[in-house]
Amino acid sequence: MSQGGGRALVALALVAALGVAACGNGSSAPVTAGAGNVAGLPVTHFESGLKPGAPAPGLDVKNADGGQDDQLATAAIADVEAYWDATLPADFGGLKFKPVTSLLSYDSNSDTEDTACGSVKKLVNAFYCAEDDSVAWDRGVLLPMLRQRFGPMSVVTVLAHEFGHAIQYRLGDKAGITKSTPTVVKEQQADCFAGSYFRWVAEGKSKFYQVSTAEGLDQVMAAMFFIRDQAGTSATDRQAHGTAFDRTFAFQSGFEKGPTECAGMNTQNVQARLTERPFDQKDTGKGDAKLNDSTLKLLKESLDSAFKGAGVAAPEIVPGNGSCSGGPSTPPASYCPADNTVNIDLNRLTQLAQPSDPQAEQAGKDSGGLGDFAAFAEVASRYAMGIQKGVGASLDNANAGLRTTCLVGAWAKVASQKQADAAPGPQLRLSAGDLDEAIAEVLRQGSVITTDVNGTAPAVGFDRIQAMQSGYLQGSSSCSQRYP
């Protein structure tokens, strides 16, 4: 986060939002998500990847070596083509599906082959080339790295995304893509198409692959996080693909709502929700504020201002060991109902707040901390527990962790805004990359952000990310509606 001028923040409408959940008077909107399901599908646990006895793909792949990664990629293409062969005519007015013209496997360590879109020399990538209607992938570096770190379905994720670009060309006007469409919009749509395909797999319709809605989709979300743009990238950059927040949102939109939702993504509605932006000129720390008494004071002021609409006593943030004496314990930050305080372990939070090391992350090594916003968000989640207690919402039902995560997202949105009439003085403001730090923390097992007051977290990372996004994009009212 960054420190800028002005302190006033817009109040969250929590009296109405959480009051409905607390009273249970039946006036809330229909529940569309929550613990126990993943976008309407049951929570499942099994090994994700190629199905035992899956058929041979039967596709001609130039330069393939027959290794594990080529097998995964070729099966992925065959499977995605089977999905679109059924989906295009069903969802897009009888439009007949046409397979891509050619497939290419290459090793970026050694191959120098030219394609219609350029040389593959040292190209650690996978891509769709519109000039010759082909899909290509790097079996030397990219695919094995993804498979080893995130499992076999990460390879399928990348190929499903690239095939999404082929679908854009096949849909033509139905996808609304033109030469002037910004790259990031095309990428968001392709991520969404990949999500719609994964829903088909999760429903058990694939001949080749199976994916569990728990660990399997968590691996996919982790892969989507890994291939995010670097913090500070502008959405107007010609190569912009989106932040982890943006990319996972697009994927989940396709998974939950299907390919017609993806085809409806356009410059106007995508740019209205994109979080990708460059660092502010005055953000000399590039989004990394120190976690200390000063910034904790600013955090408390930010939270007090954001949640003042609830009309309840705000919790105090007190230093300690991150646990409650004789009460709930979710270190390094715990909400203590007995005295309405948030007890924090400043040393552990400071470690979490250390900036991540992108080079270490790329190499699969410990990248240090996750960034300042990951730590601030943990404290904010326990503060939100106090607000929920004040309005009578449950702190330990099945949806409490998701509701709290959602409220952290709603606070993050408020913290990203600056009022024109703000009073002078420092304030914490959301910086480029902060939301991705939150996504990293939400995906992490043991994250305090996603737990109920006793430390019980929802089992599914897909749900945890979606809760954060719901609060940020739809506001606090969505938190009780989706997670009563």
Protein backbone atom coordinates (compact mmCIF):
# COMPACT_ATOMS: atom_id res chain seq x y z
CA MET A 1 0.00 0.00 0.00
CA SER A 2 1.03 3.61 -0.37
CA GLN A 3 0.67 6.66 1.81
CA GLY A 4 -0.93 9.65 0.16
CA GLY A 5 -2.78 12.81 1.00
CA GLY A 6 -6.29 12.80 2.40
CA ARG A 7 -7.83 10.52 4.99
CA ALA A 8 -11.56 10.35 4.38
CA LEU A 9 -12.95 7.07 3.06
CA VAL A 10 -16.43 6.19 1.92
CA ALA A 11 -18.42 4.27 4.54
CA LEU A 12 -19.39 0.69 3.77
CA ALA A 13 -23.09 0.02 3.90
CA LEU A 14 -22.79 -2.68 6.53
CA VAL A 15 -25.84 -1.87 8.60
CA ALA A 16 -28.14 -2.98 5.81
CA ALA A 17 -25.83 -5.62 4.41
CA LEU A 18 -24.98 -7.50 7.58
CA GLY A 19 -28.18 -6.62 9.38
CA VAL A 20 -30.11 -8.70 6.87
CA ALA A 21 -27.90 -11.69 7.50
CA ALA A 22 -28.20 -11.30 11.24
CA CYS A 23 -31.98 -10.95 11.32
CA GLY A 24 -32.66 -13.72 8.83
CA ASN A 25 -35.88 -12.07 7.69
CA GLY A 26 -35.78 -13.53 4.20
CA SER A 27 -35.19 -10.20 2.45
CA SER A 28 -31.66 -10.94 1.29
CA ALA A 29 -30.84 -11.78 -2.33
CA PRO A 30 -30.64 -15.45 -3.37
CA VAL A 31 -27.46 -17.18 -2.30
CA THR A 32 -25.27 -17.91 -5.31
CA ALA A 33 -22.18 -19.22 -3.55
CA GLY A 34 -20.92 -20.40 -0.23
CA ALA A 35 -19.15 -23.14 1.66
CA GLY A 36 -20.02 -26.62 0.47
CA ASN A 37 -20.12 -25.94 -3.25
CA VAL A 38 -17.96 -24.49 -5.99
CA ALA A 39 -20.07 -22.35 -8.32
CA GLY A 40 -22.89 -24.83 -7.79
CA LEU A 41 -20.77 -27.98 -8.09
CA PRO A 42 -20.00 -30.24 -5.12
CA VAL A 43 -16.62 -29.98 -3.42
CA THR A 44 -14.56 -32.95 -4.61
CA HIS A 45 -11.16 -34.36 -3.63
CA PHE A 46 -9.21 -36.65 -5.95
CA GLU A 47 -6.08 -36.62 -8.08
CA SER A 48 -6.48 -34.34 -11.07
CA GLY A 49 -4.95 -35.00 -14.46
CA LEU A 50 -5.28 -37.48 -17.29
CA LYS A 51 -7.98 -40.04 -16.68
CA PRO A 52 -6.82 -43.64 -16.26
CA GLY A 53 -7.25 -45.30 -19.63
CA ALA A 54 -7.74 -42.02 -21.49
CA PRO A 55 -7.71 -42.57 -25.28
CA ALA A 56 -4.79 -41.56 -27.50
CA PRO A 57 -5.46 -38.05 -28.86
CA GLY A 58 -4.82 -38.95 -32.48
CA LEU A 59 -3.55 -35.49 -33.42
CA ASP A 60 -0.58 -34.67 -35.62
CA VAL A 61 1.88 -32.48 -33.71
CA LYS A 62 4.94 -31.22 -35.56
CA ASN A 63 8.26 -31.82 -33.77
CA ALA A 64 6.67 -33.67 -30.81
CA ASP A 65 9.04 -35.90 -28.85
CA GLY A 66 6.39 -38.09 -27.22
CA GLY A 67 7.40 -37.08 -23.70
CA GLN A 68 5.10 -36.46 -20.75
CA ASP A 69 4.53 -32.79 -21.48
CA ASP A 70 3.77 -33.34 -25.15
CA GLN A 71 1.32 -36.03 -24.11
CA LEU A 72 -0.41 -33.65 -21.71
CA ALA A 73 -0.49 -30.82 -24.26
CA THR A 74 -1.75 -32.97 -27.12
CA ALA A 75 -4.49 -34.48 -24.96
CA ALA A 76 -5.40 -30.97 -23.82
CA ILE A 77 -5.84 -29.78 -27.41
CA ALA A 78 -7.91 -32.83 -28.30
CA ASP A 79 -10.07 -32.30 -25.23
CA VAL A 80 -10.54 -28.57 -25.76
CA GLU A 81 -11.50 -29.23 -29.37
CA ALA A 82 -14.08 -31.79 -28.22
CA TYR A 83 -15.50 -29.18 -25.82
CA TRP A 84 -15.79 -26.50 -28.47
CA ASP A 85 -17.12 -28.95 -31.05
CA ALA A 86 -20.11 -29.42 -28.76
CA THR A 87 -20.29 -25.89 -27.36
CA LEU A 88 -20.05 -23.64 -30.41
CA PRO A 89 -23.18 -24.95 -32.16
CA ALA A 90 -25.11 -25.26 -28.88
CA ASP A 91 -24.32 -21.81 -27.48
CA PHE A 92 -23.64 -19.72 -30.58
CA GLY A 93 -26.52 -20.30 -32.98
CA GLY A 94 -25.40 -23.51 -34.64
CA LEU A 95 -21.91 -22.22 -35.48
CA LYS A 96 -19.86 -25.19 -36.68
CA PHE A 97 -16.51 -25.80 -35.02
CA LYS A 98 -13.31 -26.04 -37.04
CA PRO A 99 -10.11 -27.52 -35.50
CA VAL A 100 -6.93 -25.47 -35.69
CA THR A 101 -4.86 -26.03 -38.81
CA SER A 102 -1.60 -27.12 -37.19
CA LEU A 103 0.12 -27.84 -33.86
CA LEU A 104 3.78 -27.30 -32.99
CA SER A 105 5.87 -28.55 -30.08
CA TYR A 106 9.31 -27.03 -29.58
CA ASP A 107 12.16 -26.85 -27.08
CA SER A 108 13.08 -23.25 -26.29
CA ASN A 109 16.50 -24.43 -25.16
CA SER A 110 17.54 -25.53 -28.64
CA ASP A 111 14.94 -25.07 -31.38
CA THR A 112 15.16 -22.12 -33.76
CA GLU A 113 12.24 -22.84 -36.06
CA ASP A 114 10.43 -19.94 -37.67
CA THR A 115 6.64 -19.78 -37.54
CA ALA A 116 4.21 -17.42 -39.19
CA CYS A 117 4.39 -15.40 -35.95
CA GLY A 118 8.18 -15.42 -35.60
CA SER A 119 11.00 -17.61 -34.32
CA VAL A 120 10.63 -19.90 -31.31
CA LYS A 121 14.31 -19.45 -30.40
CA LYS A 122 14.55 -18.95 -26.62
CA LEU A 123 10.78 -18.40 -26.52
CA VAL A 124 9.52 -19.75 -23.20
CA ASN A 125 5.85 -19.52 -24.08
CA ALA A 126 2.76 -21.10 -25.55
CA PHE A 127 0.81 -19.20 -28.20
CA TYR A 128 -1.92 -19.16 -30.81
CA CYS A 129 -0.80 -17.78 -34.17
CA ALA A 130 -3.68 -16.32 -36.16
CA GLU A 131 -1.57 -15.98 -39.31
CA ASP A 132 -1.52 -19.74 -39.85
CA ASP A 133 -4.21 -20.79 -37.34
CA SER A 134 -1.78 -22.81 -35.22
CA VAL A 135 -1.13 -23.51 -31.54
CA ALA A 136 2.45 -23.97 -30.31
CA TRP A 137 4.01 -24.73 -26.93
CA ASP A 138 7.43 -24.93 -25.33
CA ARG A 139 7.99 -28.47 -24.05
CA GLY A 140 11.57 -27.66 -23.02
CA VAL A 141 11.07 -25.10 -20.25
CA LEU A 142 7.51 -23.80 -19.83
CA LEU A 143 5.39 -26.93 -19.67
CA PRO A 144 7.68 -29.00 -17.42
CA MET A 145 8.11 -26.05 -15.07
CA LEU A 146 4.33 -25.58 -14.78
CA ARG A 147 3.69 -29.31 -14.37
CA GLN A 148 6.32 -29.74 -11.68
CA ARG A 149 5.18 -26.73 -9.67
CA PHE A 150 1.41 -26.75 -10.15
CA GLY A 151 0.50 -30.21 -11.43
CA PRO A 152 -0.61 -31.48 -14.85
CA MET A 153 -3.76 -29.36 -15.03
CA SER A 154 -1.63 -26.21 -15.20
CA VAL A 155 -0.43 -27.40 -18.62
CA VAL A 156 -4.06 -27.86 -19.64
CA THR A 157 -4.85 -24.35 -18.34
CA VAL A 158 -2.26 -22.71 -20.58
CA LEU A 159 -3.36 -24.66 -23.67
CA ALA A 160 -7.06 -23.99 -22.99
CA HIS A 161 -6.24 -20.28 -22.77
CA GLU A 162 -4.32 -20.28 -26.05
CA PHE A 163 -7.11 -22.18 -27.74
CA GLY A 164 -9.43 -19.46 -26.46
CA HIS A 165 -7.73 -17.10 -28.90
CA ALA A 166 -8.51 -19.53 -31.73
CA ILE A 167 -12.15 -19.43 -30.61
CA GLN A 168 -12.14 -15.64 -30.80
CA TYR A 169 -11.29 -15.88 -34.48
CA ARG A 170 -13.91 -18.54 -35.05
CA LEU A 171 -16.61 -16.50 -33.34
CA GLY A 172 -15.73 -13.34 -35.26
CA ASP A 173 -18.35 -10.67 -34.60
CA LYS A 174 -19.94 -12.85 -31.93
CA ALA A 175 -16.84 -12.29 -29.76
CA GLY A 176 -16.64 -8.60 -30.57
CA ILE A 177 -12.88 -8.72 -31.15
CA THR A 178 -11.42 -6.30 -33.70
CA LYS A 179 -7.92 -5.10 -34.58
CA SER A 180 -8.42 -2.16 -32.23
CA THR A 181 -9.42 -4.28 -29.23
CA PRO A 182 -6.83 -3.84 -26.45
CA THR A 183 -4.67 -6.89 -25.82
CA VAL A 184 -5.76 -7.18 -22.20
CA VAL A 185 -9.41 -7.53 -23.28
CA LYS A 186 -8.51 -10.35 -25.66
CA GLU A 187 -6.56 -12.03 -22.88
CA GLN A 188 -9.39 -11.68 -20.38
CA GLN A 189 -11.76 -13.27 -22.84
CA ALA A 190 -9.35 -16.16 -23.48
CA ASP A 191 -8.97 -16.73 -19.72
CA CYS A 192 -12.74 -16.81 -19.48
CA PHE A 193 -13.03 -19.35 -22.32
CA ALA A 194 -10.51 -21.52 -20.47
CA GLY A 195 -12.69 -21.33 -17.38
CA SER A 196 -15.77 -22.42 -19.29
CA TYR A 197 -13.87 -25.45 -20.59
CA PHE A 198 -12.75 -26.37 -17.06
CA ARG A 199 -16.37 -26.33 -15.90
CA TRP A 200 -17.07 -28.99 -18.55
CA VAL A 201 -14.18 -31.07 -17.23
CA ALA A 202 -15.30 -30.61 -13.61
CA GLU A 203 -18.75 -31.83 -14.59
CA GLY A 204 -17.18 -35.11 -15.76
CA LYS A 205 -17.80 -34.63 -19.48
CA SER A 206 -14.18 -34.95 -20.62
CA LYS A 207 -12.81 -38.17 -22.12
CA PHE A 208 -9.25 -37.17 -21.31
CA TYR A 209 -9.08 -35.21 -18.05
CA GLN A 210 -10.54 -35.04 -14.57
CA VAL A 211 -10.24 -32.13 -12.14
CA SER A 212 -11.38 -31.92 -8.54
CA THR A 213 -13.11 -28.75 -7.45
CA ALA A 214 -10.87 -28.54 -4.38
CA GLU A 215 -7.17 -29.31 -4.86
CA GLY A 216 -7.43 -29.51 -8.66
CA LEU A 217 -8.91 -26.05 -9.14
CA ASP A 218 -6.60 -24.69 -6.44
CA GLN A 219 -3.64 -25.75 -8.58
CA VAL A 220 -5.21 -24.05 -11.58
CA MET A 221 -5.70 -20.84 -9.56
CA ALA A 222 -2.07 -21.00 -8.42
CA ALA A 223 -0.95 -21.33 -12.03
CA MET A 224 -3.11 -18.36 -13.03
CA PHE A 225 -1.49 -16.36 -10.23
CA PHE A 226 1.98 -17.36 -11.42
CA ILE A 227 1.44 -16.15 -15.00
CA ARG A 228 0.15 -12.72 -13.92
CA ASP A 229 1.66 -9.48 -15.17
CA GLN A 230 4.33 -7.80 -13.05
CA ALA A 231 3.02 -5.26 -10.54
CA GLY A 232 2.98 -1.78 -12.05
CA THR A 233 2.14 -2.92 -15.59
CA SER A 234 -0.36 -0.67 -17.31
CA ALA A 235 -3.52 -2.18 -18.76
CA THR A 236 -2.75 -0.16 -21.90
CA ASP A 237 0.53 -2.02 -22.43
CA ARG A 238 0.42 -3.91 -25.75
CA GLN A 239 1.48 -7.09 -23.97
CA ALA A 240 -0.75 -6.73 -20.90
CA HIS A 241 -2.55 -9.93 -19.84
CA GLY A 242 -3.88 -8.77 -16.48
CA THR A 243 -3.09 -9.00 -12.79
CA ALA A 244 -3.68 -12.24 -10.91
CA PHE A 245 -6.87 -10.64 -9.58
CA ASP A 246 -8.03 -9.89 -13.14
CA ARG A 247 -7.03 -13.23 -14.63
CA THR A 248 -8.57 -15.39 -11.93
CA PHE A 249 -11.76 -13.30 -12.12
CA ALA A 250 -12.05 -13.89 -15.86
CA PHE A 251 -11.39 -17.62 -15.47
CA GLN A 252 -13.96 -17.92 -12.71
CA SER A 253 -16.51 -15.98 -14.75
CA GLY A 254 -16.24 -18.57 -17.51
CA PHE A 255 -16.38 -21.43 -15.03
CA GLU A 256 -19.48 -20.07 -13.32
CA LYS A 257 -21.41 -18.49 -16.21
CA GLY A 258 -20.22 -20.20 -19.39
CA PRO A 259 -18.80 -19.16 -22.78
CA THR A 260 -21.53 -16.70 -23.74
CA GLU A 261 -20.47 -14.63 -20.72
CA CYS A 262 -16.94 -14.67 -22.12
CA ALA A 263 -18.02 -13.61 -25.59
CA GLY A 264 -19.80 -10.68 -23.96
CA MET A 265 -16.56 -9.34 -22.51
CA ASN A 266 -15.64 -6.16 -24.34
CA THR A 267 -13.46 -3.12 -23.93
CA GLN A 268 -16.07 -1.20 -21.96
CA ASN A 269 -17.04 -3.78 -19.36
CA VAL A 270 -13.54 -5.25 -18.96
CA GLN A 271 -11.80 -1.94 -18.49
CA ALA A 272 -14.45 -0.92 -15.96
CA ARG A 273 -13.30 -3.68 -13.58
CA LEU A 274 -9.58 -4.09 -14.41
CA THR A 275 -7.24 -3.59 -11.48
CA GLU A 276 -4.07 -3.39 -13.57
CA ARG A 277 -2.41 0.01 -13.47
CA PRO A 278 1.04 1.55 -13.14
CA PHE A 279 2.40 2.77 -9.83
CA ASP A 280 1.40 6.29 -8.85
CA GLN A 281 4.16 8.84 -9.42
CA LYS A 282 4.30 9.63 -5.70
CA ASP A 283 4.46 5.95 -4.73
CA THR A 284 8.22 5.93 -4.25
CA GLY A 285 8.07 2.63 -2.37
CA LYS A 286 6.44 0.88 -5.33
CA GLY A 287 3.58 -0.27 -3.15
CA ASP A 288 5.64 -1.46 -0.20
CA ALA A 289 4.81 0.43 3.00
CA LYS A 290 6.62 -0.50 6.19
CA LEU A 291 4.55 -2.24 8.83
CA ASN A 292 5.11 -0.21 11.99
CA ASP A 293 3.24 1.80 14.59
CA SER A 294 2.68 4.64 12.11
CA THR A 295 1.18 2.53 9.34
CA LEU A 296 -0.86 0.50 11.82
CA LYS A 297 -2.35 3.77 13.04
CA LEU A 298 -3.22 4.67 9.46
CA LEU A 299 -4.68 1.19 8.95
CA LYS A 300 -6.90 1.64 12.00
CA GLU A 301 -8.08 5.02 10.72
CA SER A 302 -8.80 3.53 7.30
CA LEU A 303 -10.81 0.66 8.77
CA ASP A 304 -12.69 2.91 11.22
CA SER A 305 -13.70 5.25 8.41
CA ALA A 306 -14.61 2.46 6.01
CA PHE A 307 -16.79 0.57 8.50
CA LYS A 308 -18.31 3.48 10.39
CA GLY A 309 -21.62 2.96 8.58
CA ALA A 310 -22.19 -0.17 10.67
CA GLY A 311 -22.82 2.02 13.70
CA VAL A 312 -21.10 -0.34 16.15
CA ALA A 313 -18.10 -0.06 18.41
CA ALA A 314 -14.92 -0.47 16.38
CA PRO A 315 -12.35 -3.00 17.62
CA GLU A 316 -9.04 -1.73 18.92
CA ILE A 317 -5.82 -3.10 17.43
CA VAL A 318 -3.41 -4.05 20.20
CA PRO A 319 0.11 -5.52 20.06
CA GLY A 320 0.71 -8.90 21.66
CA ASN A 321 1.34 -12.48 20.64
CA GLY A 322 -1.41 -12.59 18.02
CA SER A 323 -3.76 -14.65 20.20
CA CYS A 324 -6.56 -14.02 22.67
CA SER A 325 -6.13 -14.92 26.32
CA GLY A 326 -8.55 -17.78 26.92
CA GLY A 327 -10.30 -17.14 23.63
CA PRO A 328 -10.00 -17.63 19.86
CA SER A 329 -6.52 -17.90 18.43
CA THR A 330 -5.63 -17.25 14.78
CA PRO A 331 -2.08 -15.88 14.98
CA PRO A 332 -0.51 -13.66 13.82
CA ALA A 333 -3.80 -11.77 14.27
CA SER A 334 -6.84 -12.78 16.34
CA TYR A 335 -10.18 -11.18 17.06
CA CYS A 336 -10.94 -11.31 20.78
CA PRO A 337 -14.72 -11.03 21.36
CA ALA A 338 -14.34 -10.69 25.14
CA ASP A 339 -12.88 -7.19 24.92
CA ASN A 340 -13.51 -6.34 21.22
CA THR A 341 -9.85 -6.16 20.28
CA VAL A 342 -7.63 -7.43 17.49
CA ASN A 343 -4.47 -8.85 19.02
CA ILE A 344 -1.52 -8.84 16.61
CA ASP A 345 1.96 -10.33 16.56
CA LEU A 346 3.84 -7.46 14.95
CA ASN A 347 7.01 -9.46 14.36
CA ARG A 348 5.24 -12.22 12.38
CA LEU A 349 3.15 -9.73 10.46
CA THR A 350 6.28 -7.78 9.59
CA GLN A 351 7.80 -10.93 8.11
CA LEU A 352 4.67 -11.52 6.04
CA ALA A 353 4.75 -7.89 4.89
CA GLN A 354 8.24 -8.20 3.39
CA PRO A 355 8.18 -7.71 -0.41
CA SER A 356 8.18 -10.88 -2.43
CA ASP A 357 11.17 -11.67 -4.63
CA PRO A 358 9.93 -12.16 -8.23
CA GLN A 359 13.14 -13.90 -9.30
CA ALA A 360 12.90 -16.38 -6.43
CA GLU A 361 9.24 -16.97 -7.26
CA GLN A 362 10.09 -17.68 -10.89
CA ALA A 363 12.73 -20.16 -9.75
CA GLY A 364 10.29 -21.91 -7.41
CA LYS A 365 12.12 -20.78 -4.28
CA ASP A 366 10.95 -19.04 -1.12
CA SER A 367 10.25 -15.47 -2.18
CA GLY A 368 10.40 -14.06 1.35
CA GLY A 369 7.19 -12.33 2.38
CA LEU A 370 4.05 -11.75 0.36
CA GLY A 371 3.96 -7.95 0.62
CA ASP A 372 2.51 -5.31 2.90
CA PHE A 373 -1.10 -5.70 1.80
CA ALA A 374 -1.11 -9.40 2.72
CA ALA A 375 -0.30 -8.39 6.31
CA PHE A 376 -2.70 -5.43 6.38
CA ALA A 377 -5.47 -7.67 5.03
CA GLU A 378 -4.96 -10.22 7.82
CA VAL A 379 -5.45 -7.50 10.40
CA ALA A 380 -8.42 -6.12 8.45
CA SER A 381 -10.08 -9.54 8.42
CA ARG A 382 -9.97 -9.77 12.21
CA TYR A 383 -11.24 -6.18 12.48
CA ALA A 384 -14.13 -7.16 10.19
CA MET A 385 -14.92 -9.95 12.66
CA GLY A 386 -15.51 -7.31 15.32
CA ILE A 387 -17.84 -5.35 13.06
CA GLN A 388 -19.79 -8.50 12.24
CA LYS A 389 -20.12 -9.34 15.93
CA GLY A 390 -21.42 -5.83 16.56
CA VAL A 391 -24.26 -6.22 14.07
CA GLY A 392 -25.12 -9.74 15.21
CA ALA A 393 -23.69 -11.80 12.35
CA SER A 394 -22.36 -15.27 13.05
CA LEU A 395 -18.60 -15.51 13.44
CA ASP A 396 -18.33 -19.27 13.14
CA ASN A 397 -20.95 -20.62 10.76
CA ALA A 398 -19.97 -22.35 7.52
CA ASN A 399 -19.81 -19.09 5.56
CA ALA A 400 -18.16 -16.84 8.17
CA GLY A 401 -14.68 -17.13 6.66
CA LEU A 402 -15.91 -16.38 3.14
CA ARG A 403 -18.03 -13.45 4.36
CA THR A 404 -15.03 -12.03 6.15
CA THR A 405 -12.84 -12.43 3.07
CA CYS A 406 -15.52 -10.63 1.08
CA LEU A 407 -15.56 -7.75 3.55
CA VAL A 408 -11.78 -7.43 3.26
CA GLY A 409 -12.29 -7.10 -0.49
CA ALA A 410 -14.93 -4.43 0.07
CA TRP A 411 -12.57 -2.52 2.35
CA ALA A 412 -9.80 -2.82 -0.26
CA LYS A 413 -12.05 -1.16 -2.83
CA VAL A 414 -12.79 1.71 -0.47
CA ALA A 415 -9.07 2.03 0.27
CA SER A 416 -8.37 2.31 -3.45
CA GLN A 417 -10.48 5.44 -3.78
CA LYS A 418 -9.69 9.03 -2.94
CA GLN A 419 -12.39 11.58 -2.23
CA ALA A 420 -12.13 14.99 -3.83
CA ASP A 421 -12.97 16.63 -0.49
CA ALA A 422 -10.56 14.50 1.55
CA ALA A 423 -8.91 16.24 4.47
CA PRO A 424 -5.16 16.79 4.21
CA GLY A 425 -2.87 14.29 5.87
CA PRO A 426 -1.54 10.81 5.25
CA GLN A 427 -3.72 7.81 4.52
CA LEU A 428 -3.19 4.26 3.38
CA ARG A 429 -4.19 3.77 -0.21
CA LEU A 430 -4.23 0.67 -2.37
CA SER A 431 -1.22 0.46 -4.65
CA ALA A 432 -0.53 -1.45 -7.86
CA GLY A 433 0.10 -5.09 -6.97
CA ASP A 434 -1.68 -5.00 -3.60
CA LEU A 435 -4.64 -7.07 -4.74
CA ASP A 436 -2.31 -9.73 -6.09
CA GLU A 437 -0.64 -9.86 -2.69
CA ALA A 438 -4.09 -10.51 -1.27
CA ILE A 439 -4.72 -13.28 -3.83
CA ALA A 440 -1.40 -14.90 -2.89
CA GLU A 441 -2.32 -14.78 0.79
CA VAL A 442 -5.86 -16.06 0.20
CA LEU A 443 -4.46 -19.04 -1.75
CA ARG A 444 -1.99 -19.85 1.01
CA GLN A 445 -2.97 -22.63 3.38
CA GLY A 446 -3.23 -21.13 6.85
CA SER A 447 -4.17 -17.65 5.70
CA VAL A 448 -5.94 -15.74 8.47
CA ILE A 449 -7.89 -13.66 5.94
CA THR A 450 -10.18 -16.55 5.07
CA THR A 451 -10.83 -18.05 8.50
CA ASP A 452 -13.74 -17.74 10.88
CA VAL A 453 -13.14 -16.47 14.40
CA ASN A 454 -11.79 -19.87 15.49
CA GLY A 455 -9.39 -20.31 12.57
CA THR A 456 -11.48 -22.63 10.41
CA ALA A 457 -10.93 -21.82 6.72
CA PRO A 458 -13.01 -22.79 3.67
CA ALA A 459 -11.41 -25.79 1.99
CA VAL A 460 -11.53 -24.46 -1.56
CA GLY A 461 -9.16 -21.76 -2.81
CA PHE A 462 -11.45 -21.06 -5.77
CA ASP A 463 -14.14 -19.96 -3.29
CA ARG A 464 -11.76 -17.90 -1.21
CA ILE A 465 -10.57 -15.91 -4.22
CA GLN A 466 -14.12 -15.44 -5.45
CA ALA A 467 -15.17 -14.06 -2.07
CA MET A 468 -12.39 -11.46 -2.13
CA GLN A 469 -13.33 -10.45 -5.68
CA SER A 470 -17.02 -10.25 -4.85
CA GLY A 471 -16.39 -7.74 -2.07
CA TYR A 472 -14.04 -5.65 -4.18
CA LEU A 473 -16.17 -5.55 -7.32
CA GLN A 474 -19.69 -5.67 -5.86
CA GLY A 475 -19.33 -4.04 -2.47
CA SER A 476 -20.13 -5.11 1.07
CA SER A 477 -23.81 -5.82 0.36
CA SER A 478 -22.75 -8.85 -1.68
CA CYS A 479 -20.99 -10.34 1.35
CA SER A 480 -24.09 -11.19 3.35
CA GLN A 481 -26.11 -12.02 0.25
CA ARG A 482 -23.61 -14.58 -1.01
CA TYR A 483 -22.39 -15.78 2.37
CA PRO A 484 -25.22 -15.55 4.96
